[in-house]
Every structure is written in structure tokens, then in C-alpha cells.
């Protein structure tokens, strides 16, 4: 067997796993976890959700696709209408409606445990996006990422599972970094 034949065999084995949207989602998911500010976290998270929505569509994971579409909408609404000073009056009814849609889409696209994990992950992420505080967002996104890790393991998304592990790492590092800064900031005042 020649080097060229080996390379062609390797390419044929790797090609089905190379997904541009999965790669983009992976990168944006990690970036979202380490962004220092809420707006950056939400913008990167919206991009990640859009990319993974297309990735899941390619895999035939329709609950994941639906949850990502809802996530894109919620990220942009949260970025524009929720902050440390509060939230616009129309946000609560909109998020309640998207929560009902999340439950409905989970049931409509039900495929067992993958759907349950995607739905629970989406609901935890919804709670995260309602937070005005970046640390509160990170804690809930951490729970959501763990649910999505199980989903991605069950549907066979190597990109999704890798993204979840990187996102969990980035969120954990950011939470620890903030916790270490807080005592110093308090003692300086």
C-alpha cells in the first residue's frame, strides 16, 4: 500500500466527521465560556447555537436543531433587553413562550434520552439568559453544558461533545477566576 492510498483511506474515514458548522460551533462555544463580559458571552453563544443548529440538522438530531433555533432568539433578546439594571417588561412573556415552545418541540421531536437532555439543557440555558449577572449566567450555562454533553454523546456528535468539554472548562475557569478576584476587590475598599 502506498502513502497516497493510505492518505485516501484516512481521508475517507475522516471526511464524514469533518463538519464546518461543528468546528465553528466548537470554537464559539469555548469563546463564549471565557468571554469576560455578559454581552460577549451572549453574542458568542448565539453564534455557537446557530452553528450547532446546522450541525445537528446534518446529523438528523432534530430536537437539538430546534433547541438551537430557540437559543439564537433568546441570546439576541437577552443581549438587547436584559442587563444588570433589569429587563424590559416584554421579556418575561417572550421567555415564557419560548419555554413552552422548548417543551413542545422536545415532545414533537422526541427520540428518548437525547431529546430529554437537549430539552433540559435548553431550559437551563433559558434560565441563564434571564440572568443580569455574568456569574449567574455561567453557573446555569455550566448545568446546560453538562446536559448537552450527554445529548452529544448519545447522538454521536464529536464536535458537540468536544465543545461541551471545552465550554465546561472555560466556564469553570471563569467562575474560579471571578471567585479569586472578589476577595481582593472587597479588601481594597
N, C-alpha and C. Protein backbone atom coordinates (compact mmCIF):
# COMPACT_ATOMS: atom_id res chain seq x y z
N UNK A 1 0.85 -1.17 0.00
CA UNK A 1 0.00 0.00 0.00
C UNK A 1 0.90 1.24 0.00
N UNK A 2 0.58 2.18 -0.87
CA UNK A 2 1.40 3.39 -0.98
C UNK A 2 0.91 4.45 0.00
N UNK A 3 1.72 5.49 0.15
CA UNK A 3 1.38 6.61 1.02
C UNK A 3 0.10 7.30 0.54
N UNK A 4 -0.02 7.42 -0.78
CA UNK A 4 -1.22 8.06 -1.34
C UNK A 4 -2.46 7.23 -1.04
N UNK A 5 -2.36 5.91 -1.16
CA UNK A 5 -3.50 5.06 -0.85
C UNK A 5 -3.87 5.16 0.63
N UNK A 6 -2.88 5.19 1.50
CA UNK A 6 -3.13 5.36 2.93
C UNK A 6 -3.79 6.71 3.23
N UNK A 7 -3.32 7.75 2.55
CA UNK A 7 -3.90 9.08 2.74
C UNK A 7 -5.36 9.09 2.28
N UNK A 8 -5.67 8.45 1.17
CA UNK A 8 -7.04 8.39 0.67
C UNK A 8 -7.94 7.60 1.62
N UNK A 9 -7.42 6.52 2.18
CA UNK A 9 -8.19 5.74 3.15
C UNK A 9 -8.44 6.59 4.40
N UNK A 10 -7.42 7.30 4.86
CA UNK A 10 -7.57 8.19 6.03
C UNK A 10 -8.58 9.28 5.78
N UNK A 11 -8.50 9.87 4.59
CA UNK A 11 -9.45 10.94 4.24
C UNK A 11 -10.88 10.40 4.20
N UNK A 12 -11.07 9.22 3.60
CA UNK A 12 -12.40 8.62 3.52
C UNK A 12 -12.96 8.34 4.93
N UNK A 13 -12.10 7.95 5.87
CA UNK A 13 -12.54 7.69 7.24
C UNK A 13 -12.86 8.98 7.98
N UNK A 14 -12.10 10.04 7.74
CA UNK A 14 -12.27 11.30 8.47
C UNK A 14 -13.35 12.19 7.87
N UNK A 15 -13.57 12.11 6.57
CA UNK A 15 -14.46 13.03 5.88
C UNK A 15 -15.86 13.13 6.49
N UNK A 16 -16.51 12.02 6.85
CA UNK A 16 -17.86 12.16 7.43
C UNK A 16 -17.88 12.91 8.77
N UNK A 17 -16.74 12.98 9.42
CA UNK A 17 -16.67 13.63 10.73
C UNK A 17 -16.24 15.09 10.66
N UNK A 18 -15.85 15.52 9.46
CA UNK A 18 -15.44 16.91 9.30
C UNK A 18 -16.66 17.74 8.95
N UNK A 19 -17.04 18.58 9.85
CA UNK A 19 -18.24 19.38 9.69
C UNK A 19 -17.87 20.83 10.00
N UNK A 20 -17.96 21.68 9.01
CA UNK A 20 -17.60 23.08 9.18
C UNK A 20 -18.40 23.73 10.30
N UNK A 21 -19.71 23.43 10.35
CA UNK A 21 -20.55 24.05 11.37
C UNK A 21 -20.23 23.50 12.76
N UNK A 22 -19.90 22.23 12.85
CA UNK A 22 -19.49 21.67 14.13
C UNK A 22 -18.20 22.30 14.63
N UNK A 23 -17.26 22.51 13.71
CA UNK A 23 -16.00 23.15 14.08
C UNK A 23 -16.22 24.58 14.54
N UNK A 24 -17.02 25.33 13.79
CA UNK A 24 -17.31 26.71 14.16
C UNK A 24 -18.04 26.78 15.50
N UNK A 25 -19.01 25.90 15.70
CA UNK A 25 -19.73 25.84 16.97
C UNK A 25 -18.81 25.53 18.12
N UNK A 26 -17.89 24.60 17.91
CA UNK A 26 -16.92 24.24 18.93
C UNK A 26 -16.10 25.46 19.35
N UNK A 27 -15.58 26.18 18.40
CA UNK A 27 -14.76 27.36 18.70
C UNK A 27 -15.58 28.45 19.40
N UNK A 28 -16.76 28.71 18.91
CA UNK A 28 -17.59 29.76 19.51
C UNK A 28 -18.08 29.37 20.90
N UNK A 29 -18.33 28.09 21.13
CA UNK A 29 -18.74 27.62 22.45
C UNK A 29 -17.67 27.86 23.49
N UNK A 30 -16.43 27.56 23.14
CA UNK A 30 -15.34 27.80 24.07
C UNK A 30 -15.15 29.29 24.31
N UNK A 31 -15.20 30.06 23.25
CA UNK A 31 -15.04 31.52 23.36
C UNK A 31 -16.13 32.10 24.26
N UNK A 32 -17.38 31.61 24.13
CA UNK A 32 -18.47 32.11 24.96
C UNK A 32 -18.17 31.89 26.44
N UNK A 33 -17.59 30.74 26.77
CA UNK A 33 -17.30 30.42 28.16
C UNK A 33 -16.25 31.30 28.80
N UNK A 34 -15.33 31.81 28.00
CA UNK A 34 -14.24 32.61 28.58
C UNK A 34 -14.40 34.11 28.38
N UNK A 35 -15.47 34.52 27.69
CA UNK A 35 -15.68 35.96 27.49
C UNK A 35 -15.83 36.64 28.85
N UNK A 36 -15.19 37.80 29.04
CA UNK A 36 -15.24 38.45 30.35
C UNK A 36 -16.55 39.19 30.63
N UNK A 37 -17.29 39.54 29.59
CA UNK A 37 -18.49 40.33 29.78
C UNK A 37 -19.72 39.60 29.25
N UNK A 38 -20.85 39.93 29.82
CA UNK A 38 -22.13 39.29 29.51
C UNK A 38 -22.48 39.40 28.03
N UNK A 39 -22.35 40.59 27.46
CA UNK A 39 -22.70 40.80 26.05
C UNK A 39 -21.87 39.91 25.12
N UNK A 40 -20.59 39.81 25.37
CA UNK A 40 -19.72 38.95 24.57
C UNK A 40 -20.09 37.48 24.72
N UNK A 41 -20.43 37.08 25.95
CA UNK A 41 -20.86 35.70 26.19
C UNK A 41 -22.10 35.37 25.36
N UNK A 42 -23.06 36.30 25.37
CA UNK A 42 -24.31 36.07 24.65
C UNK A 42 -24.12 36.08 23.14
N UNK A 43 -23.29 36.98 22.63
CA UNK A 43 -23.05 37.03 21.20
C UNK A 43 -22.34 35.76 20.71
N UNK A 44 -21.30 35.34 21.43
CA UNK A 44 -20.60 34.10 21.05
C UNK A 44 -21.53 32.90 21.19
N UNK A 45 -22.37 32.91 22.22
CA UNK A 45 -23.32 31.82 22.43
C UNK A 45 -24.35 31.75 21.30
N UNK A 46 -24.79 32.91 20.80
CA UNK A 46 -25.72 32.93 19.67
C UNK A 46 -25.07 32.33 18.42
N UNK A 47 -23.84 32.71 18.17
CA UNK A 47 -23.11 32.15 17.03
C UNK A 47 -22.91 30.65 17.17
N UNK A 48 -22.59 30.22 18.39
CA UNK A 48 -22.41 28.80 18.67
C UNK A 48 -23.72 28.05 18.42
N UNK A 49 -24.83 28.58 18.91
CA UNK A 49 -26.13 27.92 18.72
C UNK A 49 -26.50 27.84 17.24
N UNK A 50 -26.24 28.89 16.49
CA UNK A 50 -26.55 28.87 15.06
C UNK A 50 -25.73 27.79 14.34
N UNK A 51 -24.44 27.74 14.65
CA UNK A 51 -23.57 26.75 14.02
C UNK A 51 -23.97 25.33 14.41
N UNK A 52 -24.24 25.12 15.69
CA UNK A 52 -24.63 23.77 16.11
C UNK A 52 -26.02 23.38 15.62
N UNK A 53 -26.91 24.35 15.44
CA UNK A 53 -28.20 24.04 14.86
C UNK A 53 -28.05 23.41 13.48
N UNK A 54 -27.16 23.99 12.67
CA UNK A 54 -26.90 23.43 11.34
C UNK A 54 -26.19 22.09 11.42
N UNK A 55 -25.28 21.95 12.38
CA UNK A 55 -24.58 20.68 12.61
C UNK A 55 -25.57 19.58 12.99
N UNK A 56 -26.47 19.87 13.94
CA UNK A 56 -27.46 18.87 14.37
C UNK A 56 -28.42 18.51 13.24
N UNK A 57 -28.77 19.51 12.44
CA UNK A 57 -29.64 19.24 11.29
C UNK A 57 -28.98 18.22 10.37
N UNK A 58 -27.68 18.40 10.14
CA UNK A 58 -26.90 17.47 9.32
C UNK A 58 -26.89 16.07 9.93
N UNK A 59 -26.86 15.98 11.27
CA UNK A 59 -26.84 14.68 11.94
C UNK A 59 -28.22 14.05 12.04
N UNK A 60 -29.28 14.83 11.80
CA UNK A 60 -30.63 14.33 11.97
C UNK A 60 -31.11 14.41 13.41
N UNK A 61 -30.44 15.21 14.24
CA UNK A 61 -30.82 15.41 15.64
C UNK A 61 -31.75 16.62 15.70
N UNK A 62 -33.03 16.38 15.45
CA UNK A 62 -33.97 17.48 15.25
C UNK A 62 -34.34 18.21 16.54
N UNK A 63 -34.34 17.52 17.68
CA UNK A 63 -34.58 18.23 18.94
C UNK A 63 -33.45 19.22 19.18
N UNK A 64 -32.21 18.80 18.98
CA UNK A 64 -31.07 19.69 19.14
C UNK A 64 -31.15 20.88 18.19
N UNK A 65 -31.58 20.62 16.95
CA UNK A 65 -31.74 21.70 15.97
C UNK A 65 -32.76 22.72 16.44
N UNK A 66 -33.90 22.24 16.92
CA UNK A 66 -34.96 23.14 17.39
C UNK A 66 -34.50 23.94 18.60
N UNK A 67 -33.80 23.30 19.53
CA UNK A 67 -33.33 23.99 20.73
C UNK A 67 -32.31 25.07 20.37
N UNK A 68 -31.51 24.81 19.37
CA UNK A 68 -30.53 25.82 18.93
C UNK A 68 -31.21 27.03 18.31
N UNK A 69 -32.28 26.81 17.55
CA UNK A 69 -33.01 27.93 16.96
C UNK A 69 -33.59 28.82 18.05
N UNK A 70 -34.15 28.21 19.07
CA UNK A 70 -34.68 28.98 20.20
C UNK A 70 -33.56 29.72 20.92
N UNK A 71 -32.41 29.07 21.07
CA UNK A 71 -31.27 29.68 21.75
C UNK A 71 -30.78 30.94 21.03
N UNK A 72 -30.75 30.91 19.71
CA UNK A 72 -30.32 32.09 18.95
C UNK A 72 -31.23 33.27 19.28
N UNK A 73 -32.54 33.04 19.21
CA UNK A 73 -33.50 34.10 19.52
C UNK A 73 -33.30 34.61 20.95
N UNK A 74 -33.23 33.71 21.92
CA UNK A 74 -33.09 34.12 23.32
C UNK A 74 -31.79 34.88 23.57
N UNK A 75 -30.69 34.46 22.94
CA UNK A 75 -29.42 35.17 23.13
C UNK A 75 -29.52 36.61 22.67
N UNK A 76 -30.11 36.84 21.49
CA UNK A 76 -30.20 38.20 20.99
C UNK A 76 -31.16 39.05 21.84
N UNK A 77 -32.27 38.46 22.27
CA UNK A 77 -33.19 39.19 23.15
C UNK A 77 -32.50 39.53 24.46
N UNK A 78 -31.82 38.56 25.04
CA UNK A 78 -31.14 38.78 26.32
C UNK A 78 -30.07 39.85 26.20
N UNK A 79 -29.35 39.84 25.09
CA UNK A 79 -28.29 40.81 24.87
C UNK A 79 -28.84 42.24 24.79
N UNK A 80 -30.01 42.37 24.18
CA UNK A 80 -30.59 43.71 23.97
C UNK A 80 -31.48 44.19 25.12
N UNK A 81 -32.16 43.27 25.81
CA UNK A 81 -33.23 43.71 26.72
C UNK A 81 -33.04 43.32 28.18
N UNK A 82 -31.93 42.64 28.52
CA UNK A 82 -31.68 42.24 29.91
C UNK A 82 -30.30 42.72 30.29
N UNK A 83 -30.19 43.27 31.49
CA UNK A 83 -28.89 43.72 31.97
C UNK A 83 -28.90 43.84 33.48
N UNK A 84 -27.80 44.33 34.04
CA UNK A 84 -27.71 44.47 35.49
C UNK A 84 -28.80 45.38 36.08
N UNK A 85 -29.27 46.32 35.27
CA UNK A 85 -30.30 47.25 35.75
C UNK A 85 -31.70 46.67 35.66
N UNK A 86 -31.88 45.52 35.06
CA UNK A 86 -33.19 44.88 34.96
C UNK A 86 -33.47 44.42 33.55
N UNK A 87 -34.75 44.22 33.27
CA UNK A 87 -35.13 43.75 31.94
C UNK A 87 -36.41 44.44 31.49
N UNK A 88 -36.57 44.49 30.20
CA UNK A 88 -37.79 45.09 29.63
C UNK A 88 -39.00 44.24 30.02
N UNK A 89 -40.15 44.88 30.13
CA UNK A 89 -41.37 44.21 30.58
C UNK A 89 -41.80 43.07 29.65
N UNK A 90 -41.52 43.17 28.38
CA UNK A 90 -41.95 42.16 27.42
C UNK A 90 -41.07 40.91 27.40
N UNK A 91 -39.94 40.95 28.12
CA UNK A 91 -39.01 39.81 28.08
C UNK A 91 -39.60 38.58 28.77
N UNK A 92 -40.20 38.76 29.95
CA UNK A 92 -40.74 37.61 30.69
C UNK A 92 -41.79 36.84 29.87
N UNK A 93 -42.78 37.52 29.27
CA UNK A 93 -43.74 36.76 28.46
C UNK A 93 -43.09 36.08 27.25
N UNK A 94 -42.10 36.74 26.64
CA UNK A 94 -41.42 36.13 25.49
C UNK A 94 -40.66 34.88 25.92
N UNK A 95 -39.93 34.97 27.03
CA UNK A 95 -39.18 33.81 27.51
C UNK A 95 -40.12 32.70 27.98
N UNK A 96 -41.27 33.06 28.56
CA UNK A 96 -42.27 32.05 28.94
C UNK A 96 -42.77 31.33 27.69
N UNK A 97 -43.02 32.10 26.63
CA UNK A 97 -43.47 31.50 25.37
C UNK A 97 -42.40 30.59 24.78
N UNK A 98 -41.14 31.03 24.80
CA UNK A 98 -40.08 30.18 24.24
C UNK A 98 -39.86 28.94 25.10
N UNK A 99 -40.15 29.04 26.39
CA UNK A 99 -40.06 27.86 27.25
C UNK A 99 -41.14 26.85 26.87
N UNK A 100 -42.35 27.34 26.61
CA UNK A 100 -43.42 26.45 26.16
C UNK A 100 -43.08 25.83 24.79
N UNK A 101 -42.49 26.63 23.91
CA UNK A 101 -42.07 26.11 22.61
C UNK A 101 -40.98 25.06 22.81
N UNK A 102 -40.05 25.30 23.73
CA UNK A 102 -38.99 24.32 24.02
C UNK A 102 -39.61 22.99 24.44
N UNK A 103 -40.55 23.04 25.36
CA UNK A 103 -41.21 21.81 25.81
C UNK A 103 -41.96 21.15 24.66
N UNK A 104 -42.70 21.95 23.90
CA UNK A 104 -43.44 21.42 22.76
C UNK A 104 -42.54 20.80 21.71
N UNK A 105 -41.45 21.49 21.38
CA UNK A 105 -40.52 20.96 20.36
C UNK A 105 -39.82 19.70 20.86
N UNK A 106 -39.51 19.68 22.15
CA UNK A 106 -38.89 18.47 22.71
C UNK A 106 -39.83 17.28 22.55
N UNK A 107 -41.10 17.49 22.86
CA UNK A 107 -42.07 16.41 22.72
C UNK A 107 -42.34 16.06 21.26
N UNK A 108 -42.41 17.08 20.40
CA UNK A 108 -42.70 16.84 18.98
C UNK A 108 -41.56 16.12 18.26
N UNK A 109 -40.34 16.32 18.71
CA UNK A 109 -39.19 15.68 18.06
C UNK A 109 -38.61 14.58 18.94
N UNK A 110 -39.39 14.06 19.85
CA UNK A 110 -38.93 13.13 20.87
C UNK A 110 -38.20 11.93 20.29
N UNK A 111 -37.00 11.68 20.81
CA UNK A 111 -36.24 10.49 20.44
C UNK A 111 -35.57 9.90 21.68
N UNK A 112 -36.24 9.98 22.80
CA UNK A 112 -35.73 9.36 24.03
C UNK A 112 -34.77 10.28 24.79
N UNK A 113 -33.75 9.65 25.35
CA UNK A 113 -32.79 10.38 26.19
C UNK A 113 -32.12 11.57 25.51
N UNK A 114 -31.76 11.47 24.22
CA UNK A 114 -31.16 12.65 23.58
C UNK A 114 -32.11 13.86 23.64
N UNK A 115 -33.40 13.62 23.41
CA UNK A 115 -34.37 14.72 23.46
C UNK A 115 -34.51 15.26 24.88
N UNK A 116 -34.56 14.37 25.86
CA UNK A 116 -34.68 14.80 27.25
C UNK A 116 -33.48 15.67 27.65
N UNK A 117 -32.30 15.25 27.26
CA UNK A 117 -31.09 16.03 27.61
C UNK A 117 -31.05 17.37 26.88
N UNK A 118 -31.44 17.38 25.59
CA UNK A 118 -31.46 18.64 24.84
C UNK A 118 -32.50 19.58 25.43
N UNK A 119 -33.67 19.06 25.77
CA UNK A 119 -34.71 19.91 26.35
C UNK A 119 -34.30 20.48 27.70
N UNK A 120 -33.74 19.65 28.58
CA UNK A 120 -33.30 20.14 29.89
C UNK A 120 -32.15 21.13 29.73
N UNK A 121 -31.22 20.85 28.83
CA UNK A 121 -30.12 21.79 28.57
C UNK A 121 -30.64 23.12 28.07
N UNK A 122 -31.65 23.08 27.19
CA UNK A 122 -32.24 24.32 26.67
C UNK A 122 -32.94 25.10 27.77
N UNK A 123 -33.63 24.41 28.67
CA UNK A 123 -34.32 25.10 29.76
C UNK A 123 -33.32 25.73 30.74
N UNK A 124 -32.24 25.04 31.05
CA UNK A 124 -31.21 25.63 31.92
C UNK A 124 -30.55 26.84 31.25
N UNK A 125 -30.31 26.74 29.94
CA UNK A 125 -29.73 27.87 29.22
C UNK A 125 -30.71 29.04 29.16
N UNK A 126 -32.00 28.76 29.09
CA UNK A 126 -33.01 29.82 29.14
C UNK A 126 -32.89 30.57 30.46
N UNK A 127 -32.79 29.82 31.55
CA UNK A 127 -32.59 30.45 32.86
C UNK A 127 -31.32 31.27 32.91
N UNK A 128 -30.28 30.79 32.26
CA UNK A 128 -29.01 31.53 32.23
C UNK A 128 -29.17 32.86 31.51
N UNK A 129 -29.87 32.85 30.40
CA UNK A 129 -30.03 34.07 29.60
C UNK A 129 -30.89 35.12 30.30
N UNK A 130 -31.68 34.69 31.27
CA UNK A 130 -32.50 35.63 32.03
C UNK A 130 -31.71 36.32 33.14
N UNK A 131 -30.51 35.87 33.39
CA UNK A 131 -29.68 36.45 34.44
C UNK A 131 -29.04 37.75 33.97
N UNK A 132 -29.05 38.76 34.82
CA UNK A 132 -28.36 40.01 34.51
C UNK A 132 -26.90 39.95 34.92
N UNK A 133 -26.56 39.02 35.79
CA UNK A 133 -25.21 38.86 36.34
C UNK A 133 -24.44 37.79 35.55
N UNK A 134 -23.24 38.11 35.08
CA UNK A 134 -22.47 37.11 34.32
C UNK A 134 -22.18 35.83 35.11
N UNK A 135 -21.95 35.94 36.41
CA UNK A 135 -21.65 34.74 37.19
C UNK A 135 -22.87 33.82 37.29
N UNK A 136 -24.04 34.41 37.47
CA UNK A 136 -25.26 33.61 37.48
C UNK A 136 -25.47 32.92 36.14
N UNK A 137 -25.17 33.63 35.06
CA UNK A 137 -25.26 33.04 33.72
C UNK A 137 -24.31 31.86 33.61
N UNK A 138 -23.08 32.05 34.06
CA UNK A 138 -22.08 30.98 33.94
C UNK A 138 -22.50 29.72 34.69
N UNK A 139 -23.04 29.88 35.89
CA UNK A 139 -23.46 28.71 36.68
C UNK A 139 -24.55 27.91 35.95
N UNK A 140 -25.55 28.61 35.44
CA UNK A 140 -26.62 27.91 34.73
C UNK A 140 -26.15 27.35 33.39
N UNK A 141 -25.29 28.09 32.69
CA UNK A 141 -24.73 27.56 31.43
C UNK A 141 -23.89 26.31 31.70
N UNK A 142 -23.26 26.24 32.86
CA UNK A 142 -22.48 25.05 33.22
C UNK A 142 -23.41 23.83 33.30
N UNK A 143 -24.54 23.98 33.98
CA UNK A 143 -25.52 22.89 34.03
C UNK A 143 -26.05 22.53 32.65
N UNK A 144 -26.33 23.56 31.84
CA UNK A 144 -26.82 23.32 30.48
C UNK A 144 -25.79 22.57 29.65
N UNK A 145 -24.52 22.95 29.79
CA UNK A 145 -23.46 22.30 29.02
C UNK A 145 -23.30 20.84 29.41
N UNK A 146 -23.50 20.52 30.67
CA UNK A 146 -23.43 19.12 31.10
C UNK A 146 -24.57 18.30 30.48
N UNK A 147 -25.77 18.89 30.42
CA UNK A 147 -26.89 18.21 29.75
C UNK A 147 -26.61 18.00 28.27
N UNK A 148 -26.08 19.04 27.63
CA UNK A 148 -25.76 18.93 26.21
C UNK A 148 -24.64 17.92 25.96
N UNK A 149 -23.73 17.77 26.92
CA UNK A 149 -22.66 16.78 26.76
C UNK A 149 -23.26 15.37 26.67
N UNK A 150 -24.25 15.09 27.51
CA UNK A 150 -24.91 13.78 27.44
C UNK A 150 -25.64 13.65 26.10
N UNK A 151 -26.37 14.69 25.68
CA UNK A 151 -27.05 14.67 24.38
C UNK A 151 -26.06 14.37 23.26
N UNK A 152 -24.95 15.09 23.26
CA UNK A 152 -23.98 14.95 22.18
C UNK A 152 -23.31 13.58 22.18
N UNK A 153 -23.10 13.03 23.37
CA UNK A 153 -22.57 11.67 23.44
C UNK A 153 -23.56 10.66 22.87
N UNK A 154 -24.84 10.87 23.15
CA UNK A 154 -25.87 9.94 22.67
C UNK A 154 -26.12 10.04 21.17
N UNK A 155 -26.03 11.25 20.59
CA UNK A 155 -26.28 11.38 19.14
C UNK A 155 -25.01 11.24 18.32
N UNK A 156 -23.87 11.09 18.98
CA UNK A 156 -22.61 10.87 18.26
C UNK A 156 -21.99 12.12 17.69
N UNK A 157 -22.20 13.26 18.33
CA UNK A 157 -21.58 14.49 17.85
C UNK A 157 -20.24 14.70 18.54
N UNK A 158 -19.18 14.35 17.84
CA UNK A 158 -17.83 14.54 18.39
C UNK A 158 -17.57 16.03 18.60
N UNK A 159 -18.01 16.85 17.65
CA UNK A 159 -17.84 18.30 17.78
C UNK A 159 -18.60 18.83 18.99
N UNK A 160 -19.83 18.40 19.13
CA UNK A 160 -20.65 18.87 20.25
C UNK A 160 -20.07 18.45 21.58
N UNK A 161 -19.64 17.21 21.70
CA UNK A 161 -19.07 16.73 22.95
C UNK A 161 -17.76 17.44 23.26
N UNK A 162 -16.93 17.65 22.26
CA UNK A 162 -15.69 18.38 22.46
C UNK A 162 -15.98 19.82 22.88
N UNK A 163 -16.96 20.44 22.23
CA UNK A 163 -17.35 21.80 22.58
C UNK A 163 -17.84 21.86 24.02
N UNK A 164 -18.66 20.88 24.41
CA UNK A 164 -19.17 20.88 25.79
C UNK A 164 -18.04 20.77 26.80
N UNK A 165 -17.08 19.92 26.52
CA UNK A 165 -15.96 19.77 27.45
C UNK A 165 -15.14 21.06 27.53
N UNK A 166 -14.92 21.69 26.38
CA UNK A 166 -14.20 22.97 26.38
C UNK A 166 -15.02 24.07 27.05
N UNK A 167 -16.33 24.09 26.81
CA UNK A 167 -17.19 25.10 27.41
C UNK A 167 -17.23 24.92 28.93
N UNK A 168 -17.39 23.68 29.39
CA UNK A 168 -17.38 23.41 30.83
C UNK A 168 -16.05 23.87 31.42
N UNK A 169 -14.95 23.60 30.74
CA UNK A 169 -13.63 24.05 31.22
C UNK A 169 -13.55 25.56 31.28
N UNK A 170 -13.98 26.23 30.20
CA UNK A 170 -13.93 27.69 30.15
C UNK A 170 -14.81 28.33 31.21
N UNK A 171 -16.02 27.80 31.38
CA UNK A 171 -16.93 28.34 32.39
C UNK A 171 -16.37 28.14 33.80
N UNK A 172 -15.82 26.96 34.04
CA UNK A 172 -15.24 26.68 35.36
C UNK A 172 -14.06 27.60 35.64
N UNK A 173 -13.19 27.79 34.66
CA UNK A 173 -12.06 28.70 34.84
C UNK A 173 -12.53 30.13 35.11
N UNK A 174 -13.54 30.56 34.38
CA UNK A 174 -14.07 31.91 34.58
C UNK A 174 -14.71 32.07 35.96
N UNK A 175 -15.43 31.05 36.41
CA UNK A 175 -16.03 31.11 37.75
C UNK A 175 -14.95 31.16 38.83
N UNK A 176 -13.91 30.36 38.67
CA UNK A 176 -12.81 30.36 39.65
C UNK A 176 -12.07 31.68 39.60
N UNK A 177 -11.81 32.19 38.41
CA UNK A 177 -11.12 33.47 38.26
C UNK A 177 -11.89 34.58 38.95
N UNK A 178 -13.20 34.61 38.78
CA UNK A 178 -14.03 35.63 39.41
C UNK A 178 -14.02 35.47 40.94
N UNK A 179 -14.11 34.23 41.39
CA UNK A 179 -14.12 33.98 42.83
C UNK A 179 -12.81 34.44 43.47
N UNK A 180 -11.71 34.25 42.79
CA UNK A 180 -10.42 34.68 43.33
C UNK A 180 -10.27 36.19 43.32
N UNK A 181 -10.91 36.87 42.36
CA UNK A 181 -10.83 38.33 42.28
C UNK A 181 -11.71 39.00 43.32
N UNK A 182 -12.84 38.40 43.62
CA UNK A 182 -13.82 39.02 44.52
C UNK A 182 -13.24 39.35 45.89
N UNK A 183 -12.54 38.44 46.59
CA UNK A 183 -12.00 38.82 47.91
C UNK A 183 -11.01 39.98 47.83
N UNK A 184 -10.23 40.03 46.77
CA UNK A 184 -9.27 41.14 46.60
C UNK A 184 -10.00 42.46 46.40
N UNK A 185 -11.06 42.44 45.64
CA UNK A 185 -11.82 43.66 45.38
C UNK A 185 -12.49 44.15 46.66
N UNK A 186 -12.98 43.23 47.49
CA UNK A 186 -13.63 43.60 48.74
C UNK A 186 -12.63 44.17 49.74
N UNK A 187 -11.42 43.61 49.80
CA UNK A 187 -10.44 44.09 50.77
C UNK A 187 -9.83 45.43 50.35
N UNK A 188 -9.92 45.77 49.08
CA UNK A 188 -9.36 47.03 48.60
C UNK A 188 -10.25 48.22 48.93
N UNK A 189 -11.54 47.95 49.22
CA UNK A 189 -12.45 49.07 49.51
C UNK A 189 -12.45 49.47 50.94
